N, C-alpha and C. Protein backbone atom coordinates (compact mmCIF):
# COMPACT_ATOMS: atom_id res chain seq x y z
N ARG A 1 -13.84 -13.95 25.57
CA ARG A 1 -13.56 -13.29 24.32
C ARG A 1 -14.88 -13.06 23.88
N PHE A 2 -15.01 -11.69 23.15
CA PHE A 2 -16.57 -11.41 22.52
C PHE A 2 -15.96 -11.50 21.00
N VAL A 3 -16.82 -12.19 20.40
CA VAL A 3 -16.39 -12.37 18.89
C VAL A 3 -17.99 -12.13 18.52
N PRO A 4 -17.90 -11.03 17.63
CA PRO A 4 -19.32 -10.62 17.00
C PRO A 4 -20.13 -11.80 16.41
N GLY A 5 -21.47 -11.76 16.40
CA GLY A 5 -22.12 -12.89 15.71
C GLY A 5 -22.06 -14.19 16.23
N ARG A 6 -21.25 -14.59 17.26
CA ARG A 6 -21.28 -16.06 17.63
C ARG A 6 -20.81 -16.15 19.06
N MET A 7 -21.07 -17.15 19.99
CA MET A 7 -20.60 -17.41 21.16
C MET A 7 -19.25 -18.28 21.09
N VAL A 8 -18.35 -17.83 21.96
CA VAL A 8 -17.28 -18.77 22.06
C VAL A 8 -17.14 -19.27 23.50
N PRO A 9 -16.98 -20.71 23.63
CA PRO A 9 -16.66 -20.97 25.01
C PRO A 9 -15.43 -20.63 25.82
N PHE A 10 -15.16 -20.29 26.79
CA PHE A 10 -14.06 -19.96 27.27
C PHE A 10 -13.77 -21.11 28.61
N SER A 11 -12.60 -21.16 29.06
CA SER A 11 -12.04 -21.91 30.20
C SER A 11 -11.11 -21.45 31.05
N PHE A 12 -10.92 -21.93 32.30
CA PHE A 12 -10.04 -21.35 32.98
C PHE A 12 -8.60 -22.35 33.02
N PRO A 13 -7.41 -21.43 33.15
CA PRO A 13 -6.33 -22.36 32.98
C PRO A 13 -6.27 -23.49 33.97
N LEU A 14 -5.40 -24.55 33.73
CA LEU A 14 -5.35 -25.63 34.69
C LEU A 14 -4.49 -25.01 35.95
N SER A 15 -4.56 -25.24 37.27
CA SER A 15 -3.83 -24.93 38.28
C SER A 15 -3.56 -26.15 39.31
N LYS A 16 -2.22 -25.94 39.88
CA LYS A 16 -1.93 -27.19 40.77
C LYS A 16 -2.10 -26.81 42.19
N CYS A 17 -2.40 -25.42 42.45
CA CYS A 17 -2.66 -25.18 43.72
C CYS A 17 -3.91 -24.31 44.13
N ALA A 18 -4.59 -24.58 45.14
CA ALA A 18 -5.96 -24.01 45.51
C ALA A 18 -5.61 -22.62 46.04
N LEU A 19 -6.58 -21.79 45.77
CA LEU A 19 -6.66 -20.44 46.22
C LEU A 19 -7.12 -20.44 47.73
N TRP A 20 -7.53 -21.38 48.42
CA TRP A 20 -7.87 -21.42 49.72
C TRP A 20 -7.40 -22.68 50.38
N ASP A 21 -7.24 -22.78 51.83
CA ASP A 21 -6.99 -23.97 52.55
C ASP A 21 -8.17 -24.56 53.00
N PRO A 22 -8.13 -26.09 52.43
CA PRO A 22 -9.50 -26.79 52.63
C PRO A 22 -9.69 -27.30 53.93
N VAL A 23 -8.49 -27.18 55.01
CA VAL A 23 -8.74 -27.57 56.36
C VAL A 23 -9.54 -27.00 57.00
N PRO A 24 -10.70 -27.40 57.75
CA PRO A 24 -11.47 -26.88 58.51
C PRO A 24 -11.01 -26.01 59.84
N MET A 25 -11.61 -24.94 59.97
CA MET A 25 -10.95 -23.98 60.99
C MET A 25 -12.21 -23.56 62.03
N GLY A 26 -11.93 -23.42 63.20
CA GLY A 26 -13.04 -23.11 64.20
C GLY A 26 -13.79 -24.22 64.59
N ASP A 27 -15.09 -23.82 65.39
CA ASP A 27 -15.88 -24.78 65.89
C ASP A 27 -16.95 -24.89 64.88
N VAL A 28 -17.75 -26.11 65.04
CA VAL A 28 -18.81 -26.46 64.22
C VAL A 28 -20.04 -25.64 64.59
N ILE A 29 -20.75 -25.09 63.79
CA ILE A 29 -21.95 -24.60 63.89
C ILE A 29 -23.10 -24.92 63.25
N GLY A 30 -24.36 -24.85 63.88
CA GLY A 30 -25.62 -25.40 63.15
C GLY A 30 -26.03 -24.47 61.96
N SER A 31 -26.40 -25.02 60.61
CA SER A 31 -26.89 -24.15 59.83
C SER A 31 -28.42 -24.27 59.44
N HIS A 32 -29.00 -24.81 60.32
CA HIS A 32 -30.42 -25.03 60.01
C HIS A 32 -31.28 -23.67 60.28
N ILE A 33 -32.39 -23.42 59.36
CA ILE A 33 -33.06 -22.10 59.21
C ILE A 33 -33.79 -21.93 60.62
N THR A 34 -33.83 -22.82 61.55
CA THR A 34 -34.52 -22.44 62.75
C THR A 34 -33.36 -22.20 63.90
N TYR A 35 -32.03 -22.49 63.69
CA TYR A 35 -31.09 -22.16 64.56
C TYR A 35 -30.98 -20.77 64.99
N TYR A 36 -31.19 -19.97 64.20
CA TYR A 36 -31.05 -18.43 64.39
C TYR A 36 -32.39 -17.75 64.47
N ARG A 37 -33.44 -18.32 63.77
CA ARG A 37 -34.71 -17.68 63.78
C ARG A 37 -35.80 -18.40 64.34
N ASN A 38 -36.82 -17.67 64.44
CA ASN A 38 -38.26 -18.34 64.78
C ASN A 38 -39.17 -18.33 64.01
N PRO A 39 -39.42 -19.58 63.42
CA PRO A 39 -40.26 -19.70 61.90
C PRO A 39 -41.69 -19.79 62.62
N LYS A 40 -42.70 -18.98 61.48
CA LYS A 40 -43.78 -19.00 61.65
C LYS A 40 -44.28 -19.36 60.02
N ILE A 41 -45.56 -20.09 60.06
CA ILE A 41 -46.08 -20.40 58.92
C ILE A 41 -47.60 -19.94 58.88
N SER A 42 -47.99 -19.05 57.83
CA SER A 42 -49.23 -18.61 57.80
C SER A 42 -49.76 -19.11 56.43
N MET A 43 -51.11 -19.54 56.42
CA MET A 43 -51.50 -20.16 55.08
C MET A 43 -53.12 -19.71 55.04
N MET A 44 -53.37 -19.14 53.74
CA MET A 44 -54.69 -18.73 53.45
C MET A 44 -55.93 -19.96 53.63
N GLU A 45 -56.95 -19.63 53.93
CA GLU A 45 -57.86 -20.64 54.27
C GLU A 45 -58.37 -21.04 53.12
N LYS A 46 -58.48 -20.23 51.90
CA LYS A 46 -58.70 -20.59 50.65
C LYS A 46 -57.93 -21.79 50.00
N THR A 47 -56.64 -21.30 50.20
CA THR A 47 -55.61 -22.62 49.72
C THR A 47 -55.78 -23.84 50.61
N LEU A 48 -56.11 -23.83 51.92
CA LEU A 48 -56.16 -25.07 52.80
C LEU A 48 -57.58 -25.79 52.27
N ARG A 49 -58.58 -25.05 52.23
CA ARG A 49 -59.78 -25.78 51.78
C ARG A 49 -59.52 -26.34 50.26
N LEU A 50 -59.04 -25.76 49.38
CA LEU A 50 -58.74 -26.23 48.08
C LEU A 50 -57.80 -27.65 48.14
N ALA A 51 -56.76 -27.62 49.06
CA ALA A 51 -55.78 -28.64 49.17
C ALA A 51 -56.77 -29.90 49.75
N TYR A 52 -57.42 -29.61 50.74
CA TYR A 52 -58.33 -30.45 51.50
C TYR A 52 -59.39 -31.17 50.43
N ARG A 53 -60.18 -30.46 49.79
CA ARG A 53 -61.10 -31.04 48.76
C ARG A 53 -60.31 -31.92 47.59
N HIS A 54 -59.19 -31.35 47.29
CA HIS A 54 -58.42 -32.18 46.43
C HIS A 54 -57.83 -33.53 46.69
N ALA A 55 -57.80 -33.50 48.16
CA ALA A 55 -57.27 -34.78 48.95
C ALA A 55 -58.34 -35.73 49.02
N LYS A 56 -59.65 -35.11 49.43
CA LYS A 56 -60.83 -35.99 49.56
C LYS A 56 -61.21 -36.77 48.46
N GLN A 57 -61.16 -35.89 47.13
CA GLN A 57 -61.35 -36.63 45.83
C GLN A 57 -60.37 -37.42 45.29
N ASN A 58 -59.37 -37.39 45.83
CA ASN A 58 -58.30 -38.33 45.18
C ASN A 58 -58.51 -39.78 45.50
N GLU A 59 -58.43 -40.87 44.74
CA GLU A 59 -58.83 -42.02 45.28
C GLU A 59 -57.66 -42.85 46.23
N LYS A 60 -56.29 -42.27 45.70
CA LYS A 60 -55.04 -42.97 46.23
C LYS A 60 -54.82 -42.40 47.96
N LYS A 61 -53.93 -43.18 48.46
CA LYS A 61 -53.96 -42.59 49.90
C LYS A 61 -53.05 -41.50 49.95
N SER A 62 -51.90 -41.43 49.00
CA SER A 62 -51.01 -40.31 49.09
C SER A 62 -51.15 -39.78 47.68
N PHE A 63 -50.91 -38.47 47.57
CA PHE A 63 -50.57 -38.02 46.25
C PHE A 63 -49.45 -36.71 46.39
N SER A 64 -49.26 -36.22 45.16
CA SER A 64 -48.31 -35.25 45.20
C SER A 64 -48.99 -33.87 44.86
N CYS A 65 -48.51 -32.84 45.43
CA CYS A 65 -49.10 -31.46 45.11
C CYS A 65 -47.99 -30.44 45.35
N PHE A 66 -48.20 -29.25 45.10
CA PHE A 66 -47.35 -28.22 45.33
C PHE A 66 -48.03 -27.07 46.26
N LEU A 67 -47.61 -26.71 47.35
CA LEU A 67 -47.83 -25.28 48.15
C LEU A 67 -47.00 -24.44 47.86
N LEU A 68 -47.47 -23.26 47.32
CA LEU A 68 -46.47 -22.02 46.96
C LEU A 68 -46.70 -20.88 47.90
N GLY A 69 -45.55 -20.15 47.95
CA GLY A 69 -45.81 -19.05 49.00
C GLY A 69 -44.62 -18.16 48.87
N THR A 70 -44.50 -17.29 49.93
CA THR A 70 -43.35 -16.43 50.16
C THR A 70 -42.75 -16.48 51.32
N LEU A 71 -41.43 -16.54 51.30
CA LEU A 71 -40.74 -16.38 52.60
C LEU A 71 -40.10 -14.96 53.02
N ARG A 72 -40.43 -14.58 53.92
CA ARG A 72 -39.51 -13.24 54.39
C ARG A 72 -39.08 -13.04 56.02
N VAL A 73 -38.42 -12.41 56.08
CA VAL A 73 -37.83 -11.88 57.39
C VAL A 73 -38.50 -10.95 58.10
N ASP A 74 -38.77 -11.25 59.31
CA ASP A 74 -39.61 -10.34 60.19
C ASP A 74 -38.85 -8.95 60.26
N GLU A 75 -39.68 -7.75 60.72
CA GLU A 75 -38.94 -6.57 60.84
C GLU A 75 -38.03 -6.52 61.66
N ASP A 76 -38.26 -7.23 62.86
CA ASP A 76 -37.25 -6.94 63.91
C ASP A 76 -36.01 -7.97 63.56
N GLY A 77 -35.96 -8.84 62.52
CA GLY A 77 -34.73 -9.70 62.34
C GLY A 77 -34.85 -10.66 63.06
N GLU A 78 -35.76 -11.11 63.85
CA GLU A 78 -35.73 -12.25 64.92
C GLU A 78 -36.26 -13.43 64.28
N GLY A 79 -37.36 -13.45 63.39
CA GLY A 79 -38.14 -14.67 63.09
C GLY A 79 -38.25 -14.29 61.27
N ILE A 80 -38.67 -15.70 60.80
CA ILE A 80 -39.09 -15.73 59.55
C ILE A 80 -40.48 -16.01 59.40
N THR A 81 -41.24 -15.63 58.32
CA THR A 81 -42.70 -16.00 58.12
C THR A 81 -42.61 -16.65 56.69
N LEU A 82 -43.35 -17.91 56.78
CA LEU A 82 -43.67 -18.41 55.27
C LEU A 82 -45.13 -18.18 55.04
N THR A 83 -45.56 -17.72 53.97
CA THR A 83 -46.95 -17.46 53.82
C THR A 83 -47.21 -18.31 52.74
N ILE A 84 -48.04 -19.21 52.99
CA ILE A 84 -48.57 -20.10 51.72
C ILE A 84 -49.81 -19.60 51.24
N ASP A 85 -49.83 -19.27 49.69
CA ASP A 85 -50.97 -18.68 49.55
C ASP A 85 -51.67 -19.36 48.13
N ARG A 86 -51.09 -20.30 47.50
CA ARG A 86 -51.32 -20.99 46.51
C ARG A 86 -51.18 -22.62 46.20
N PHE A 87 -52.23 -23.36 45.97
CA PHE A 87 -52.08 -24.88 45.72
C PHE A 87 -52.18 -25.11 44.38
N ASP A 88 -51.26 -25.95 44.23
CA ASP A 88 -51.07 -26.43 42.69
C ASP A 88 -51.10 -28.07 42.74
N PRO A 89 -52.23 -28.64 42.27
CA PRO A 89 -52.07 -30.21 42.51
C PRO A 89 -51.17 -30.85 41.60
N GLY A 90 -50.55 -29.96 40.68
CA GLY A 90 -49.52 -31.01 39.79
C GLY A 90 -49.97 -31.70 38.82
N ARG A 91 -49.31 -32.56 38.22
CA ARG A 91 -49.87 -33.46 37.11
C ARG A 91 -49.29 -35.13 37.57
N GLU A 92 -50.29 -35.78 37.00
CA GLU A 92 -50.32 -37.29 37.23
C GLU A 92 -49.04 -37.80 36.45
N VAL A 93 -48.78 -37.25 35.32
CA VAL A 93 -47.65 -37.87 34.33
C VAL A 93 -46.55 -37.17 34.71
């Protein structure tokens, strides 16, 4: 419902029957990203050097960080490419 000037919560009516049959049908198939696609990873050299320098300066054996990039499907539709182009060291707290 739309009421001018304020938000009104809405709810769905209770139902005793489902709209679909929950029983599995057909054969089991894999849903992993590499099942149908050929994955490739591409990383900018600058990003790799920055991550390496940060790892060497860190006193701990392991540390947390983020590698950010883009995922795209290749033009032929047969593969995917993950391009990593940014490094974020994150926060200690």
